Protein backbone atom coordinates (compact mmCIF):
# COMPACT_ATOMS: atom_id res chain seq x y z
CA UNK A 1 -2.30 8.63 22.74
CA UNK A 2 -5.45 10.66 21.97
CA UNK A 3 -5.81 12.16 18.52
CA UNK A 4 -5.53 15.87 18.00
CA UNK A 5 -8.92 17.52 17.75
CA UNK A 6 -8.19 19.95 14.93
CA UNK A 7 -6.88 19.96 11.40
CA UNK A 8 -5.84 16.81 9.67
CA UNK A 9 -4.34 15.40 12.88
CA UNK A 10 -7.17 13.06 13.76
CA UNK A 11 -4.87 10.05 13.83
CA UNK A 12 -2.48 9.16 16.61
CA UNK A 13 1.25 8.99 15.85
CA UNK A 14 1.26 5.29 14.93
CA UNK A 15 -1.82 5.58 12.73
CA UNK A 16 -0.39 8.62 10.94
CA UNK A 17 3.00 6.96 10.43
CA UNK A 18 1.42 3.82 8.93
CA UNK A 19 -0.88 5.87 6.70
CA UNK A 20 2.01 8.02 5.47
CA UNK A 21 4.24 4.99 4.83
CA UNK A 22 1.47 3.19 2.98
CA UNK A 23 0.81 6.22 0.79
CA UNK A 24 4.53 6.73 0.06
CA UNK A 25 5.13 3.06 -0.72
CA UNK A 26 2.09 2.92 -3.00
CA UNK A 27 3.43 5.91 -4.96
CA UNK A 28 6.85 4.30 -5.27
CA UNK A 29 5.38 0.93 -6.31
CA UNK A 30 3.14 2.53 -8.95
CA UNK A 31 6.06 4.51 -10.35
CA UNK A 32 8.22 1.38 -10.48
CA UNK A 33 5.70 -0.19 -12.84
CA UNK A 34 6.13 2.53 -15.43
CA UNK A 35 9.76 3.45 -14.71
CA UNK A 36 11.48 0.32 -13.34
CA UNK A 37 15.00 1.57 -14.10
CA UNK A 38 14.63 5.17 -12.94
CA UNK A 39 17.64 5.91 -10.73
CA UNK A 40 15.88 8.69 -8.83
CA UNK A 41 13.02 6.33 -8.04
CA UNK A 42 15.45 3.70 -6.78
CA UNK A 43 17.01 6.36 -4.56
CA UNK A 44 13.57 7.27 -3.19
CA UNK A 45 12.97 3.62 -2.37
CA UNK A 46 16.37 3.26 -0.66
CA UNK A 47 15.79 6.46 1.27
CA UNK A 48 12.39 5.23 2.46
CA UNK A 49 13.84 1.89 3.53
CA UNK A 50 16.73 3.56 5.36
CA UNK A 51 14.78 6.25 7.19
CA UNK A 52 11.14 5.28 7.45
CA UNK A 53 10.75 1.55 7.10
CA UNK A 54 11.59 0.45 10.65
CA UNK A 55 9.52 3.14 12.41
CA UNK A 56 6.58 2.36 10.11
CA UNK A 57 6.86 -1.36 10.77
CA UNK A 58 7.05 -0.72 14.52
CA UNK A 59 3.89 1.40 14.29
CA UNK A 60 2.22 -1.33 12.23
CA UNK A 61 3.00 -3.80 15.02
CA UNK A 62 1.38 -1.41 17.52
CA UNK A 63 -1.77 -1.25 15.40
CA UNK A 64 -1.86 -5.03 14.96
CA UNK A 65 -1.66 -5.48 18.72
CA UNK A 66 -4.87 -3.50 19.31
CA UNK A 67 -7.88 -5.45 20.40
CA UNK A 68 -11.12 -5.33 18.42
CA UNK A 69 -12.61 -3.11 21.16
CA UNK A 70 -9.67 -0.71 20.94
CA UNK A 71 -10.03 -0.56 17.16
CA UNK A 72 -13.76 0.14 17.42
CA UNK A 73 -13.07 2.92 19.92
CA UNK A 74 -10.46 4.53 17.65
CA UNK A 75 -12.80 4.36 14.65
CA UNK A 76 -15.58 5.93 16.70
CA UNK A 77 -13.27 8.66 18.00
CA UNK A 78 -11.96 9.57 14.55
CA UNK A 79 -15.39 9.51 12.91
CA UNK A 80 -16.85 11.65 15.69
CA UNK A 81 -14.02 14.18 15.38
CA UNK A 82 -14.49 14.31 11.60
CA UNK A 83 -18.23 14.86 11.99
CA UNK A 84 -17.63 17.65 14.50
CA UNK A 85 -15.17 19.33 12.14
CA UNK A 86 -17.71 19.26 9.32
CA UNK A 87 -20.39 20.89 11.44
CA UNK A 88 -18.18 23.65 12.81
């Protein structure tokens, strides 16, 4: 799936899902360090695991299955789109 050419939608659906999941999980993990017994935080973690974990893992598998040439092409495409956005 080609990336969108405008806005912050440079990533394809799998790339965006993995990036979002990684960001959300990092926030939860960091908060668990300082508030390990926070009930709301535990609920956020359960909610993530219930709703987003499996789709994110499926997208991760898609990304892992890409060949080095496919990865290079995606990097080139995204970097080119970012450069074009900066110049426009």
